C-alpha atoms as a PDB file:
ATOM      1  CA  MET A   1      10.521  17.314  -5.980  1.00  0.00           C
ATOM      2  CA  ARG A   2      11.621  13.965  -4.563  1.00  0.00           C
ATOM      3  CA  GLU A   3      15.303  13.303  -3.892  1.00  0.00           C
ATOM      4  CA  ASN A   4      17.248  10.467  -2.319  1.00  0.00           C
ATOM      5  CA  LEU A   5      18.191  10.710   1.331  1.00  0.00           C
ATOM      6  CA  GLY A   6      21.872  10.754   2.229  1.00  0.00           C
ATOM      7  CA  GLN A   7      22.325   7.658   4.381  1.00  0.00           C
ATOM      8  CA  ILE A   8      19.815   5.500   6.202  1.00  0.00           C
ATOM      9  CA  GLU A   9      19.970   2.666   8.704  1.00  0.00           C
ATOM     10  CA  SER A  10      17.301   0.094   9.357  1.00  0.00           C
ATOM     11  CA  ARG A  11      17.505  -2.255  12.300  1.00  0.00           C
ATOM     12  CA  GLY A  12      14.830  -4.531  13.586  1.00  0.00           C
ATOM     13  CA  VAL A  13      13.476  -7.989  13.959  1.00  0.00           C
ATOM     14  CA  SER A  14      11.002 -10.087  12.033  1.00  0.00           C
ATOM     15  CA  LEU A  15       9.188 -13.095  13.450  1.00  0.00           C
ATOM     16  CA  ASP A  16       7.082 -15.429  11.304  1.00  0.00           C
ATOM     17  CA  TYR A  17       5.016 -18.413  12.296  1.00  0.00           C
ATOM     18  CA  GLU A  18       2.942 -21.141  10.713  1.00  0.00           C
ATOM     19  CA  LEU A  19       0.679 -23.553  12.589  1.00  0.00           C
ATOM     20  CA  THR A  20      -1.577 -26.360  11.446  1.00  0.00           C
ATOM     21  CA  PRO A  21      -3.598 -27.257  14.547  1.00  0.00           C
ATOM     22  CA  LEU A  22      -6.000 -29.413  12.507  1.00  0.00           C
ATOM     23  CA  HIS A  23      -5.482 -31.000   9.088  1.00  0.00           C
ATOM     24  CA  TRP A  24      -8.089 -28.619   7.597  1.00  0.00           C
ATOM     25  CA  LEU A  25      -7.015 -25.449   9.476  1.00  0.00           C
ATOM     26  CA  ALA A  26      -3.875 -23.366   8.975  1.00  0.00           C
ATOM     27  CA  LEU A  27      -2.733 -20.262  10.822  1.00  0.00           C
ATOM     28  CA  ASP A  28       0.210 -18.116   9.810  1.00  0.00           C
ATOM     29  CA  GLY A  29       1.447 -14.586  10.198  1.00  0.00           C
ATOM     30  CA  GLY A  30       4.233 -12.481  11.477  1.00  0.00           C
ATOM     31  CA  TYR A  31       5.462  -9.427  13.283  1.00  0.00           C
ATOM     32  CA  GLN A  32       8.067  -6.909  12.209  1.00  0.00           C
ATOM     33  CA  TYR A  33       9.730  -4.186  14.230  1.00  0.00           C
ATOM     34  CA  ALA A  34      11.750  -1.772  12.093  1.00  0.00           C
ATOM     35  CA  HIS A  35      13.783   1.096  13.486  1.00  0.00           C
ATOM     36  CA  ALA A  36      14.590   2.840  10.209  1.00  0.00           C
ATOM     37  CA  THR A  37      16.093   6.329  10.424  1.00  0.00           C
ATOM     38  CA  VAL A  38      18.172   8.836   8.492  1.00  0.00           C
ATOM     39  CA  THR A  39      21.752   8.672   9.797  1.00  0.00           C
ATOM     40  CA  ASN A  40      23.466  11.197   7.526  1.00  0.00           C
ATOM     41  CA  ASP A  41      22.306  13.802   5.013  1.00  0.00           C
ATOM     42  CA  SER A  42      24.800  16.466   3.963  1.00  0.00           C
ATOM     43  CA  GLN A  43      22.141  18.330   1.934  1.00  0.00           C
ATOM     44  CA  THR A  44      19.671  18.623   4.857  1.00  0.00           C
ATOM     45  CA  PRO A  45      21.288  17.844   8.233  1.00  0.00           C
ATOM     46  CA  ALA A  46      17.952  18.491  10.030  1.00  0.00           C
ATOM     47  CA  LEU A  47      16.678  15.169   8.633  1.00  0.00           C
ATOM     48  CA  VAL A  48      19.172  13.110  10.664  1.00  0.00           C
ATOM     49  CA  GLY A  49      17.252  11.025  13.200  1.00  0.00           C
ATOM     50  CA  ASN A  50      13.957  11.185  11.295  1.00  0.00           C
ATOM     51  CA  TRP A  51      11.988   8.071  10.417  1.00  0.00           C
ATOM     52  CA  ILE A  52      12.340   6.754   6.874  1.00  0.00           C
ATOM     53  CA  PRO A  53       9.160   7.662   4.954  1.00  0.00           C
ATOM     54  CA  GLU A  54       6.457   4.991   4.689  1.00  0.00           C
ATOM     55  CA  VAL A  55       8.136   2.540   7.094  1.00  0.00           C
ATOM     56  CA  ALA A  56       6.022   1.654  10.119  1.00  0.00           C
ATOM     57  CA  ARG A  57       7.881   0.736  13.295  1.00  0.00           C
ATOM     58  CA  ASN A  58       5.402  -2.067  14.020  1.00  0.00           C
ATOM     59  CA  LEU A  59       3.609  -4.319  11.547  1.00  0.00           C
ATOM     60  CA  ALA A  60       1.746  -7.559  12.223  1.00  0.00           C
ATOM     61  CA  THR A  61      -0.204  -9.966  10.026  1.00  0.00           C
ATOM     62  CA  LEU A  62      -2.483 -12.895  10.748  1.00  0.00           C
ATOM     63  CA  ASN A  63      -3.966 -15.333   8.223  1.00  0.00           C
ATOM     64  CA  LEU A  64      -6.450 -18.053   9.103  1.00  0.00           C
ATOM     65  CA  ARG A  65      -7.345 -20.587   6.403  1.00  0.00           C
ATOM     66  CA  ALA A  66      -9.883 -23.379   6.641  1.00  0.00           C
ATOM     67  CA  PHE A  67     -10.352 -25.909   3.830  1.00  0.00           C
ATOM     68  CA  ARG A  68     -12.773 -28.793   3.509  1.00  0.00           C
ATOM     69  CA  PRO A  69     -13.113 -30.340   0.026  1.00  0.00           C
ATOM     70  CA  LYS A  70     -16.905 -30.591   0.231  1.00  0.00           C
ATOM     71  CA  LEU A  71     -17.385 -27.100   1.682  1.00  0.00           C
ATOM     72  CA  GLY A  72     -14.574 -25.052   0.132  1.00  0.00           C
ATOM     73  CA  THR A  73     -12.089 -22.548   1.460  1.00  0.00           C
ATOM     74  CA  LEU A  74     -12.543 -19.738   3.965  1.00  0.00           C
ATOM     75  CA  THR A  75      -9.706 -17.297   4.616  1.00  0.00           C
ATOM     76  CA  LEU A  76      -9.469 -14.406   7.086  1.00  0.00           C
ATOM     77  CA  GLN A  77      -6.581 -11.966   6.724  1.00  0.00           C
ATOM     78  CA  GLY A  78      -5.750  -9.320   9.311  1.00  0.00           C
ATOM     79  CA  ARG A  79      -3.112  -6.607   9.113  1.00  0.00           C
ATOM     80  CA  LEU A  80      -2.104  -4.231  11.892  1.00  0.00           C
ATOM     81  CA  SER A  81       0.201  -1.372  10.980  1.00  0.00           C
ATOM     82  CA  GLY A  82       1.682   1.239  13.281  1.00  0.00           C
ATOM     83  CA  ARG A  83       2.003   4.888  12.419  1.00  0.00           C
ATOM     84  CA  GLN A  84       4.457   6.081   9.794  1.00  0.00           C
ATOM     85  CA  PHE A  85       5.369   9.267   7.987  1.00  0.00           C
ATOM     86  CA  ASP A  86       4.777  10.090   4.345  1.00  0.00           C
ATOM     87  CA  ASP A  87       7.751  12.429   4.010  1.00  0.00           C
ATOM     88  CA  ASP A  88      11.402  12.663   5.070  1.00  0.00           C
ATOM     89  CA  ALA A  89      10.783  15.739   7.275  1.00  0.00           C
ATOM     90  CA  ASN A  90       8.298  13.655   9.308  1.00  0.00           C
ATOM     91  CA  ALA A  91       5.695  16.411   8.939  1.00  0.00           C
ATOM     92  CA  TYR A  92       2.916  14.261   7.426  1.00  0.00           C
ATOM     93  CA  LEU A  93       1.859  11.516   9.828  1.00  0.00           C
ATOM     94  CA  LEU A  94       0.024   8.478   8.468  1.00  0.00           C
ATOM     95  CA  HIS A  95      -1.957   6.971  11.342  1.00  0.00           C
ATOM     96  CA  GLY A  96      -1.803   3.275  12.194  1.00  0.00           C
ATOM     97  CA  TYR A  97      -4.649   0.970  11.233  1.00  0.00           C
ATOM     98  CA  PHE A  98      -6.149  -2.493  11.430  1.00  0.00           C
ATOM     99  CA  ARG A  99      -7.636  -4.084   8.320  1.00  0.00           C
ATOM    100  CA  LEU A 100      -9.587  -7.321   8.052  1.00  0.00           C
ATOM    101  CA  ASP A 101     -10.362  -9.139   4.787  1.00  0.00           C
ATOM    102  CA  VAL A 102     -12.292 -12.355   4.124  1.00  0.00           C
ATOM    103  CA  TYR A 103     -12.323 -14.707   1.124  1.00  0.00           C
ATOM    104  CA  ALA A 104     -14.470 -17.781   0.494  1.00  0.00           C
ATOM    105  CA  SER A 105     -14.527 -20.153  -2.465  1.00  0.00           C
ATOM    106  CA  HIS A 106     -16.150 -23.405  -3.471  1.00  0.00           C
ATOM    107  CA  ASP A 107     -15.332 -25.734  -6.373  1.00  0.00           C
ATOM    108  CA  ILE A 108     -18.199 -26.900  -8.554  1.00  0.00           C
ATOM    109  CA  GLY A 109     -16.667 -29.869 -10.317  1.00  0.00           C
ATOM    110  CA  SER A 110     -13.099 -29.641 -11.549  1.00  0.00           C
ATOM    111  CA  ARG A 111     -13.486 -26.639 -13.871  1.00  0.00           C
ATOM    112  CA  ILE A 112     -15.610 -24.041 -12.049  1.00  0.00           C
ATOM    113  CA  GLN A 113     -14.976 -22.243  -8.792  1.00  0.00           C
ATOM    114  CA  ILE A 114     -17.267 -19.622  -7.272  1.00  0.00           C
ATOM    115  CA  PHE A 115     -15.900 -17.074  -4.817  1.00  0.00           C
ATOM    116  CA  ALA A 116     -16.851 -14.107  -2.672  1.00  0.00           C
ATOM    117  CA  ALA A 117     -14.603 -11.662  -0.862  1.00  0.00           C
ATOM    118  CA  GLY A 118     -14.855  -8.681   1.421  1.00  0.00           C
ATOM    119  CA  GLU A 119     -12.021  -6.235   1.961  1.00  0.00           C
ATOM    120  CA  ASN A 120     -11.586  -3.675   4.742  1.00  0.00           C
ATOM    121  CA  LEU A 121     -14.580  -5.179   6.560  1.00  0.00           C
ATOM    122  CA  PHE A 122     -14.560  -2.569   9.336  1.00  0.00           C
ATOM    123  CA  ASN A 123     -14.512   0.215   6.706  1.00  0.00           C
ATOM    124  CA  ARG A 124     -11.455   1.894   8.246  1.00  0.00           C
ATOM    125  CA  GLN A 125     -10.219   5.130   6.723  1.00  0.00           C
ATOM    126  CA  ILE A 126      -6.665   4.067   5.937  1.00  0.00           C
ATOM    127  CA  GLU A 127      -4.354   6.913   4.968  1.00  0.00           C
ATOM    128  CA  ASP A 128      -2.249   6.007   1.923  1.00  0.00           C
ATOM    129  CA  SER A 129      -0.505   9.354   1.500  1.00  0.00           C
ATOM    130  CA  LYS A 130      -0.533  12.870   2.898  1.00  0.00           C
ATOM    131  CA  THR A 131       1.850  15.132   0.987  1.00  0.00           C
ATOM    132  CA  PRO A 132       0.030  17.436   1.636  1.00  0.00           C
ATOM    133  CA  THR A 133      -3.427  16.230   0.569  1.00  0.00           C
ATOM    134  CA  THR A 134      -4.653  13.120   2.392  1.00  0.00           C
ATOM    135  CA  THR A 135      -5.399  10.184   0.099  1.00  0.00           C
ATOM    136  CA  LEU A 136      -7.413   7.370   1.619  1.00  0.00           C
ATOM    137  CA  GLY A 137      -7.194   3.705   0.715  1.00  0.00           C
ATOM    138  CA  MET A 138     -10.098   1.672  -0.558  1.00  0.00           C
ATOM    139  CA  PRO A 139     -13.186   1.631   1.669  1.00  0.00           C
ATOM    140  CA  ARG A 140     -15.088  -1.555   2.450  1.00  0.00           C
ATOM    141  CA  VAL A 141     -15.688  -3.449  -0.775  1.00  0.00           C
ATOM    142  CA  ALA A 142     -17.276  -6.756  -1.688  1.00  0.00           C
ATOM    143  CA  ARG A 143     -16.766  -8.784  -4.815  1.00  0.00           C
ATOM    144  CA  ALA A 144     -17.955 -12.127  -6.102  1.00  0.00           C
ATOM    145  CA  GLY A 145     -17.476 -14.154  -9.227  1.00  0.00           C
ATOM    146  CA  PHE A 146     -16.469 -17.418 -10.744  1.00  0.00           C
ATOM    147  CA  LEU A 147     -13.288 -18.908 -12.119  1.00  0.00           C
ATOM    148  CA  LEU A 148     -13.281 -21.140 -15.176  1.00  0.00           C
ATOM    149  CA  ARG A 149     -10.390 -23.560 -15.615  1.00  0.00           C
ATOM    150  CA  PHE A 150      -9.364 -24.549 -19.153  1.00  0.00           C
ATOM    151  CA  GLY A 151      -6.999 -27.296 -20.187  1.00  0.00           C
ATOM    152  CA  ARG A 152      -5.690 -29.838 -17.717  1.00  0.00           C
ATOM    153  CA  THR A 153      -6.925 -29.240 -14.203  1.00  0.00           C
ATOM    154  CA  GLY A 154      -4.484 -31.459 -12.335  1.00  0.00           C
ATOM    155  CA  LYS A 155      -7.294 -33.041 -10.348  1.00  0.00           C
END
């Protein structure tokens, strides 16, 4: 049975950035440090000082996007997450991970776009939950398709 914690406190810092080193290349991302803990719980005093469930202390993202009208768009997305716990007692540790995704698209005229994407390219076993059975996130996956635009295209 899930219940609310008594009182929590979350302190930290978040830094975001965005760079455009070339007119066709953009880089953005961020870093977050979160010190989120239970500060008071009259029902279960032993929880005081524990990490808040599913809040990683460290989290970083990086997105790289290249666009050339004749070639299309290529995007790389990276995410680095530190360890976290899946429960308030901090008994079920979810390990940190790095995940890399890629997306590419190309417009064929003004109404059709083809695309391909790959997610979790390194096929990491990312733990989504562990209370008590471990549930893993999606393994490496690829997808491709096309997008049809109807109505006004704005181009």
